[in-house]
Amino acid sequence: MELVADDIVAYVNRLEAEVNKLPQVECPVWHHFAPGLYARQMLIRAGTVLTGAVHKTEHLCIVSGDINVTTDDGVQRIRNLQLVIASKPGTKRAGYAHEDTIWTTVHATTETDLDKLVEELVEATSQQLLGGSENTQLLANRIEG
């Protein structure tokens, strides 16, 4: 089955709805800044299924590890190397990590405030992303005490 960009986003959204029902794992994130650049680095542990936010801007993704990921050309497996993927606005990805994988996005921006960066770069707020108080996965998995 060949998927086009709009189909990929719809597919990822359906997957995300199902994944949100499952117990969630933590994916540590690090932030790096250089003049005019912001890099967001995430550790994806082996066995993790994850989805990302819809991005508003074109940026680069650098991947190191072993992961299946949705791309503009369908699902691809990236193994034991660093690969740079150009990511267009409107992109939303899903992945499955076969081994621990580092995923880094690199964005052209002068902004350094993390809350403002989220709103500039993706169609979400920082509170809706992993770790935020309005995160869908967090809310779906909250244990009432």
N, C-alpha and C. Protein backbone atom coordinates (compact mmCIF):
# COMPACT_ATOMS: atom_id res chain seq x y z
N MET A 1 0.84 -1.17 0.00
CA MET A 1 0.00 0.00 0.00
C MET A 1 0.89 1.24 0.00
N GLU A 2 0.70 2.11 -0.96
CA GLU A 2 1.48 3.34 -1.03
C GLU A 2 0.70 4.47 -0.37
N LEU A 3 1.35 5.17 0.54
CA LEU A 3 0.72 6.28 1.24
C LEU A 3 1.23 7.60 0.71
N VAL A 4 0.35 8.60 0.61
CA VAL A 4 0.76 9.95 0.28
C VAL A 4 0.77 10.75 1.57
N ALA A 5 1.32 11.97 1.54
CA ALA A 5 1.55 12.76 2.76
C ALA A 5 0.29 12.89 3.63
N ASP A 6 -0.86 13.24 3.02
CA ASP A 6 -2.09 13.39 3.81
C ASP A 6 -2.51 12.07 4.44
N ASP A 7 -2.32 10.96 3.70
CA ASP A 7 -2.64 9.65 4.23
C ASP A 7 -1.73 9.29 5.39
N ILE A 8 -0.46 9.68 5.31
CA ILE A 8 0.49 9.38 6.38
C ILE A 8 0.06 10.07 7.67
N VAL A 9 -0.32 11.34 7.59
CA VAL A 9 -0.77 12.06 8.79
C VAL A 9 -2.01 11.39 9.37
N ALA A 10 -2.96 11.00 8.51
CA ALA A 10 -4.18 10.33 8.99
C ALA A 10 -3.82 8.99 9.65
N TYR A 11 -2.90 8.25 9.04
CA TYR A 11 -2.44 6.97 9.59
C TYR A 11 -1.80 7.19 10.95
N VAL A 12 -0.92 8.18 11.05
CA VAL A 12 -0.24 8.46 12.32
C VAL A 12 -1.25 8.89 13.38
N ASN A 13 -2.24 9.68 13.00
CA ASN A 13 -3.27 10.09 13.96
C ASN A 13 -4.06 8.89 14.49
N ARG A 14 -4.38 7.94 13.62
CA ARG A 14 -5.10 6.73 14.06
C ARG A 14 -4.22 5.90 15.00
N LEU A 15 -2.95 5.76 14.64
CA LEU A 15 -2.02 5.04 15.49
C LEU A 15 -1.90 5.72 16.84
N GLU A 16 -1.77 7.05 16.83
CA GLU A 16 -1.63 7.81 18.06
C GLU A 16 -2.84 7.60 18.98
N ALA A 17 -4.05 7.56 18.43
CA ALA A 17 -5.25 7.35 19.24
C ALA A 17 -5.18 6.01 19.97
N GLU A 18 -4.64 4.99 19.31
CA GLU A 18 -4.52 3.67 19.94
C GLU A 18 -3.37 3.64 20.95
N VAL A 19 -2.24 4.23 20.59
CA VAL A 19 -1.07 4.26 21.49
C VAL A 19 -1.39 5.03 22.77
N ASN A 20 -2.22 6.06 22.66
CA ASN A 20 -2.58 6.87 23.84
C ASN A 20 -3.31 6.05 24.90
N LYS A 21 -3.87 4.92 24.52
CA LYS A 21 -4.61 4.07 25.46
C LYS A 21 -3.68 3.17 26.28
N LEU A 22 -2.41 3.10 25.86
CA LEU A 22 -1.46 2.19 26.49
C LEU A 22 -0.61 2.92 27.53
N PRO A 23 0.00 2.16 28.45
CA PRO A 23 0.94 2.80 29.39
C PRO A 23 2.04 3.51 28.60
N GLN A 24 2.45 4.64 29.11
CA GLN A 24 3.42 5.49 28.40
C GLN A 24 4.82 5.32 28.97
N VAL A 25 5.80 5.55 28.12
CA VAL A 25 7.19 5.50 28.54
C VAL A 25 7.77 6.90 28.48
N GLU A 26 8.82 7.11 29.24
CA GLU A 26 9.49 8.41 29.23
C GLU A 26 10.57 8.42 28.16
N CYS A 27 10.59 9.49 27.38
CA CYS A 27 11.62 9.71 26.37
C CYS A 27 12.35 10.99 26.77
N PRO A 28 13.52 10.87 27.40
CA PRO A 28 14.24 12.08 27.82
C PRO A 28 14.56 12.99 26.63
N VAL A 29 14.48 14.29 26.87
CA VAL A 29 14.71 15.30 25.83
C VAL A 29 15.78 16.27 26.32
N TRP A 30 16.70 16.64 25.40
CA TRP A 30 17.71 17.65 25.67
C TRP A 30 17.58 18.75 24.63
N HIS A 31 17.90 19.98 25.04
CA HIS A 31 17.78 21.14 24.17
C HIS A 31 19.17 21.76 23.97
N HIS A 32 19.51 22.09 22.72
CA HIS A 32 20.81 22.66 22.39
C HIS A 32 20.60 23.91 21.53
N PHE A 33 21.38 24.94 21.80
CA PHE A 33 21.26 26.20 21.07
C PHE A 33 22.61 26.63 20.51
N ALA A 34 22.59 27.20 19.32
CA ALA A 34 23.73 27.86 18.69
C ALA A 34 23.14 29.08 18.00
N PRO A 35 23.96 30.05 17.63
CA PRO A 35 23.40 31.24 16.99
C PRO A 35 22.51 30.88 15.79
N GLY A 36 21.21 31.21 15.89
CA GLY A 36 20.26 30.96 14.80
C GLY A 36 19.79 29.52 14.69
N LEU A 37 20.19 28.65 15.63
CA LEU A 37 19.80 27.24 15.56
C LEU A 37 19.31 26.72 16.91
N TYR A 38 18.35 25.83 16.82
CA TYR A 38 17.85 25.10 17.99
C TYR A 38 17.79 23.62 17.62
N ALA A 39 18.34 22.76 18.46
CA ALA A 39 18.27 21.32 18.25
C ALA A 39 17.57 20.69 19.46
N ARG A 40 16.62 19.84 19.17
CA ARG A 40 15.89 19.09 20.20
C ARG A 40 16.25 17.62 20.02
N GLN A 41 16.84 17.04 21.04
CA GLN A 41 17.34 15.67 20.98
C GLN A 41 16.52 14.81 21.93
N MET A 42 16.09 13.63 21.45
CA MET A 42 15.27 12.74 22.26
C MET A 42 15.83 11.33 22.23
N LEU A 43 15.84 10.68 23.38
CA LEU A 43 16.22 9.27 23.48
C LEU A 43 14.94 8.45 23.41
N ILE A 44 14.88 7.54 22.43
CA ILE A 44 13.75 6.64 22.26
C ILE A 44 14.25 5.24 22.60
N ARG A 45 13.77 4.70 23.68
CA ARG A 45 14.23 3.38 24.14
C ARG A 45 13.72 2.27 23.22
N ALA A 46 14.49 1.20 23.13
CA ALA A 46 14.10 0.03 22.34
C ALA A 46 12.71 -0.45 22.76
N GLY A 47 11.89 -0.82 21.77
CA GLY A 47 10.55 -1.31 22.04
C GLY A 47 9.49 -0.23 22.13
N THR A 48 9.88 1.02 21.97
CA THR A 48 8.93 2.13 22.09
C THR A 48 8.26 2.41 20.75
N VAL A 49 6.94 2.57 20.80
CA VAL A 49 6.15 3.09 19.67
C VAL A 49 5.82 4.52 20.03
N LEU A 50 6.05 5.44 19.10
CA LEU A 50 5.77 6.84 19.41
C LEU A 50 5.30 7.58 18.18
N THR A 51 4.65 8.71 18.45
CA THR A 51 4.23 9.63 17.39
C THR A 51 4.71 11.02 17.77
N GLY A 52 4.88 11.86 16.76
CA GLY A 52 5.33 13.22 17.00
C GLY A 52 4.23 14.22 16.76
N ALA A 53 4.55 15.46 17.01
CA ALA A 53 3.62 16.56 16.76
C ALA A 53 3.71 16.97 15.29
N VAL A 54 2.68 17.63 14.80
CA VAL A 54 2.72 18.20 13.45
C VAL A 54 3.64 19.40 13.48
N HIS A 55 4.63 19.42 12.60
CA HIS A 55 5.58 20.53 12.55
C HIS A 55 5.12 21.61 11.59
N LYS A 56 5.37 22.86 11.96
CA LYS A 56 4.96 24.02 11.15
C LYS A 56 6.05 24.46 10.17
N THR A 57 7.30 24.11 10.46
CA THR A 57 8.41 24.63 9.67
C THR A 57 9.23 23.50 9.08
N GLU A 58 9.96 23.80 8.02
CA GLU A 58 10.89 22.83 7.46
C GLU A 58 12.12 22.76 8.36
N HIS A 59 12.59 21.55 8.59
CA HIS A 59 13.73 21.35 9.47
C HIS A 59 14.42 20.05 9.12
N LEU A 60 15.52 19.78 9.78
CA LEU A 60 16.27 18.55 9.56
C LEU A 60 16.09 17.60 10.75
N CYS A 61 16.08 16.31 10.46
CA CYS A 61 16.06 15.27 11.49
C CYS A 61 17.33 14.44 11.34
N ILE A 62 18.01 14.23 12.43
CA ILE A 62 19.22 13.41 12.44
C ILE A 62 18.91 12.21 13.33
N VAL A 63 19.07 11.01 12.78
CA VAL A 63 18.68 9.80 13.48
C VAL A 63 19.89 8.89 13.65
N SER A 64 20.05 8.36 14.85
CA SER A 64 21.11 7.41 15.13
C SER A 64 20.53 6.29 15.98
N GLY A 65 20.53 5.07 15.44
CA GLY A 65 19.98 3.93 16.16
C GLY A 65 19.38 2.94 15.21
N ASP A 66 18.24 2.37 15.58
CA ASP A 66 17.54 1.40 14.74
C ASP A 66 16.06 1.62 14.96
N ILE A 67 15.40 2.23 13.97
CA ILE A 67 14.01 2.62 14.12
C ILE A 67 13.28 2.53 12.78
N ASN A 68 12.03 2.08 12.83
CA ASN A 68 11.13 2.20 11.68
C ASN A 68 10.42 3.54 11.86
N VAL A 69 10.31 4.31 10.79
CA VAL A 69 9.70 5.63 10.90
C VAL A 69 8.94 5.95 9.62
N THR A 70 7.83 6.66 9.79
CA THR A 70 7.09 7.11 8.61
C THR A 70 7.85 8.27 7.98
N THR A 71 7.93 8.23 6.65
CA THR A 71 8.59 9.30 5.89
C THR A 71 7.67 9.67 4.73
N ASP A 72 8.08 10.64 3.95
CA ASP A 72 7.31 11.01 2.76
C ASP A 72 7.24 9.87 1.76
N ASP A 73 8.16 8.91 1.87
CA ASP A 73 8.20 7.77 0.97
C ASP A 73 7.65 6.50 1.61
N GLY A 74 6.90 6.63 2.69
CA GLY A 74 6.36 5.47 3.40
C GLY A 74 7.21 5.14 4.61
N VAL A 75 6.99 3.96 5.17
CA VAL A 75 7.73 3.54 6.36
C VAL A 75 9.11 3.06 5.93
N GLN A 76 10.15 3.58 6.62
CA GLN A 76 11.52 3.17 6.33
C GLN A 76 12.19 2.76 7.63
N ARG A 77 13.10 1.81 7.53
CA ARG A 77 13.90 1.40 8.69
C ARG A 77 15.26 2.06 8.58
N ILE A 78 15.63 2.76 9.62
CA ILE A 78 16.93 3.43 9.69
C ILE A 78 17.75 2.66 10.72
N ARG A 79 18.91 2.15 10.30
CA ARG A 79 19.71 1.27 11.16
C ARG A 79 21.12 1.78 11.34
N ASN A 80 21.57 1.77 12.60
CA ASN A 80 22.97 1.91 12.98
C ASN A 80 23.75 2.95 12.20
N LEU A 81 23.14 4.06 11.95
CA LEU A 81 23.84 5.13 11.25
C LEU A 81 23.15 6.43 11.57
N GLN A 82 23.78 7.49 11.17
CA GLN A 82 23.12 8.79 11.31
C GLN A 82 22.60 9.17 9.94
N LEU A 83 21.33 9.51 9.88
CA LEU A 83 20.69 9.86 8.63
C LEU A 83 20.02 11.21 8.79
N VAL A 84 20.19 12.05 7.82
CA VAL A 84 19.53 13.35 7.86
C VAL A 84 18.31 13.28 6.96
N ILE A 85 17.15 13.62 7.52
CA ILE A 85 15.89 13.65 6.79
C ILE A 85 15.39 15.08 6.78
N ALA A 86 15.09 15.62 5.60
CA ALA A 86 14.45 16.93 5.52
C ALA A 86 12.98 16.72 5.82
N SER A 87 12.44 17.53 6.71
CA SER A 87 11.05 17.39 7.13
C SER A 87 10.30 18.66 6.76
N LYS A 88 9.25 18.52 5.98
CA LYS A 88 8.47 19.65 5.48
C LYS A 88 7.38 20.06 6.46
N PRO A 89 6.88 21.29 6.36
CA PRO A 89 5.75 21.70 7.20
C PRO A 89 4.57 20.75 7.00
N GLY A 90 3.84 20.49 8.08
CA GLY A 90 2.70 19.58 8.03
C GLY A 90 3.06 18.14 8.31
N THR A 91 4.35 17.86 8.49
CA THR A 91 4.81 16.50 8.74
C THR A 91 4.48 16.06 10.15
N LYS A 92 4.02 14.83 10.27
CA LYS A 92 3.79 14.17 11.57
C LYS A 92 4.31 12.76 11.40
N ARG A 93 5.18 12.33 12.27
CA ARG A 93 5.83 11.03 12.11
C ARG A 93 5.41 10.05 13.22
N ALA A 94 5.58 8.78 12.91
CA ALA A 94 5.42 7.71 13.89
C ALA A 94 6.63 6.80 13.75
N GLY A 95 6.97 6.13 14.84
CA GLY A 95 8.12 5.25 14.79
C GLY A 95 8.03 4.11 15.77
N TYR A 96 8.84 3.10 15.51
CA TYR A 96 9.04 1.98 16.43
C TYR A 96 10.54 1.76 16.54
N ALA A 97 11.07 1.87 17.75
CA ALA A 97 12.51 1.72 17.97
C ALA A 97 12.85 0.26 18.23
N HIS A 98 13.67 -0.31 17.36
CA HIS A 98 14.16 -1.68 17.54
C HIS A 98 15.29 -1.70 18.57
N GLU A 99 16.07 -0.63 18.59
CA GLU A 99 17.15 -0.44 19.57
C GLU A 99 17.05 0.99 20.09
N ASP A 100 17.75 1.29 21.18
CA ASP A 100 17.78 2.67 21.66
C ASP A 100 18.20 3.57 20.50
N THR A 101 17.46 4.65 20.31
CA THR A 101 17.68 5.54 19.18
C THR A 101 17.67 6.99 19.66
N ILE A 102 18.57 7.78 19.11
CA ILE A 102 18.59 9.22 19.35
C ILE A 102 18.00 9.90 18.12
N TRP A 103 16.97 10.72 18.34
CA TRP A 103 16.31 11.47 17.26
C TRP A 103 16.52 12.95 17.58
N THR A 104 17.13 13.66 16.64
CA THR A 104 17.41 15.08 16.83
C THR A 104 16.76 15.87 15.71
N THR A 105 15.99 16.90 16.08
CA THR A 105 15.47 17.83 15.08
C THR A 105 16.27 19.12 15.20
N VAL A 106 16.59 19.71 14.05
CA VAL A 106 17.38 20.95 14.01
C VAL A 106 16.55 22.01 13.29
N HIS A 107 16.34 23.13 13.97
CA HIS A 107 15.47 24.19 13.47
C HIS A 107 16.23 25.52 13.37
N ALA A 108 15.95 26.27 12.30
CA ALA A 108 16.48 27.62 12.16
C ALA A 108 15.56 28.57 12.93
N THR A 109 16.07 29.15 14.00
CA THR A 109 15.29 30.08 14.81
C THR A 109 16.24 30.85 15.73
N THR A 110 15.81 32.01 16.13
CA THR A 110 16.57 32.77 17.12
C THR A 110 15.91 32.69 18.50
N GLU A 111 14.75 32.05 18.57
CA GLU A 111 14.01 31.92 19.83
C GLU A 111 14.74 30.95 20.75
N THR A 112 14.79 31.26 22.05
CA THR A 112 15.41 30.37 23.03
C THR A 112 14.46 29.99 24.17
N ASP A 113 13.30 30.62 24.24
CA ASP A 113 12.30 30.28 25.25
C ASP A 113 11.59 29.00 24.80
N LEU A 114 11.67 27.93 25.61
CA LEU A 114 11.15 26.63 25.20
C LEU A 114 9.65 26.64 24.94
N ASP A 115 8.87 27.35 25.76
CA ASP A 115 7.42 27.41 25.53
C ASP A 115 7.12 28.11 24.21
N LYS A 116 7.82 29.21 23.93
CA LYS A 116 7.60 29.93 22.67
C LYS A 116 8.08 29.10 21.48
N LEU A 117 9.17 28.35 21.66
CA LEU A 117 9.68 27.49 20.59
C LEU A 117 8.64 26.45 20.17
N VAL A 118 8.00 25.83 21.14
CA VAL A 118 6.99 24.82 20.82
C VAL A 118 5.90 25.44 19.96
N GLU A 119 5.40 26.59 20.37
CA GLU A 119 4.32 27.23 19.62
C GLU A 119 4.77 27.71 18.25
N GLU A 120 6.04 28.07 18.11
CA GLU A 120 6.58 28.50 16.82
C GLU A 120 6.76 27.32 15.87
N LEU A 121 7.14 26.15 16.40
CA LEU A 121 7.58 25.05 15.56
C LEU A 121 6.55 23.95 15.32
N VAL A 122 5.63 23.73 16.26
CA VAL A 122 4.66 22.64 16.10
C VAL A 122 3.24 23.11 16.39
N GLU A 123 2.28 22.32 15.94
CA GLU A 123 0.88 22.63 16.16
C GLU A 123 0.43 22.08 17.50
N ALA A 124 1.04 22.58 18.58
CA ALA A 124 0.74 22.17 19.94
C ALA A 124 1.31 23.22 20.88
N THR A 125 0.96 23.11 22.14
CA THR A 125 1.58 23.94 23.16
C THR A 125 2.52 23.05 23.96
N SER A 126 3.42 23.65 24.71
CA SER A 126 4.37 22.85 25.50
C SER A 126 3.63 22.01 26.53
N GLN A 127 2.46 22.46 27.00
CA GLN A 127 1.70 21.70 27.98
C GLN A 127 1.06 20.45 27.38
N GLN A 128 0.90 20.44 26.03
CA GLN A 128 0.31 19.28 25.37
C GLN A 128 1.34 18.22 25.00
N LEU A 129 2.62 18.59 24.99
CA LEU A 129 3.67 17.66 24.61
C LEU A 129 4.07 16.80 25.80
N LEU A 130 4.90 15.80 25.54
CA LEU A 130 5.38 14.88 26.56
C LEU A 130 5.88 15.64 27.78
N GLY A 131 5.33 15.33 28.94
CA GLY A 131 5.74 15.98 30.18
C GLY A 131 4.84 17.13 30.59
N GLY A 132 4.01 17.63 29.67
CA GLY A 132 3.12 18.74 29.97
C GLY A 132 1.86 18.30 30.69
N SER A 133 1.25 19.21 31.45
CA SER A 133 0.07 18.86 32.24
C SER A 133 -1.16 18.58 31.39
N GLU A 134 -1.17 18.97 30.12
CA GLU A 134 -2.30 18.71 29.22
C GLU A 134 -1.95 17.63 28.19
N ASN A 135 -0.90 16.86 28.44
CA ASN A 135 -0.46 15.82 27.52
C ASN A 135 -1.51 14.71 27.46
N THR A 136 -1.95 14.37 26.25
CA THR A 136 -3.00 13.37 26.06
C THR A 136 -2.64 12.04 26.69
N GLN A 137 -1.42 11.58 26.50
CA GLN A 137 -1.00 10.31 27.05
C GLN A 137 -1.01 10.35 28.58
N LEU A 138 -0.51 11.44 29.15
CA LEU A 138 -0.49 11.59 30.60
C LEU A 138 -1.91 11.53 31.16
N LEU A 139 -2.83 12.28 30.55
CA LEU A 139 -4.20 12.31 31.03
C LEU A 139 -4.88 10.96 30.90
N ALA A 140 -4.62 10.25 29.80
CA ALA A 140 -5.24 8.95 29.58
C ALA A 140 -4.72 7.90 30.55
N ASN A 141 -3.52 8.08 31.06
CA ASN A 141 -2.90 7.09 31.94
C ASN A 141 -2.82 7.52 33.40
N ARG A 142 -3.46 8.64 33.73
CA ARG A 142 -3.42 9.13 35.11
C ARG A 142 -4.13 8.14 36.02
N ILE A 143 -3.50 7.84 37.12
CA ILE A 143 -4.11 6.97 38.13
C ILE A 143 -4.68 7.86 39.22
N GLU A 144 -5.98 7.75 39.40
CA GLU A 144 -6.64 8.56 40.43
C GLU A 144 -6.36 7.93 41.78
N GLY A 145 -6.00 8.77 42.78
CA GLY A 145 -5.63 8.23 44.08
C GLY A 145 -6.49 8.61 45.15
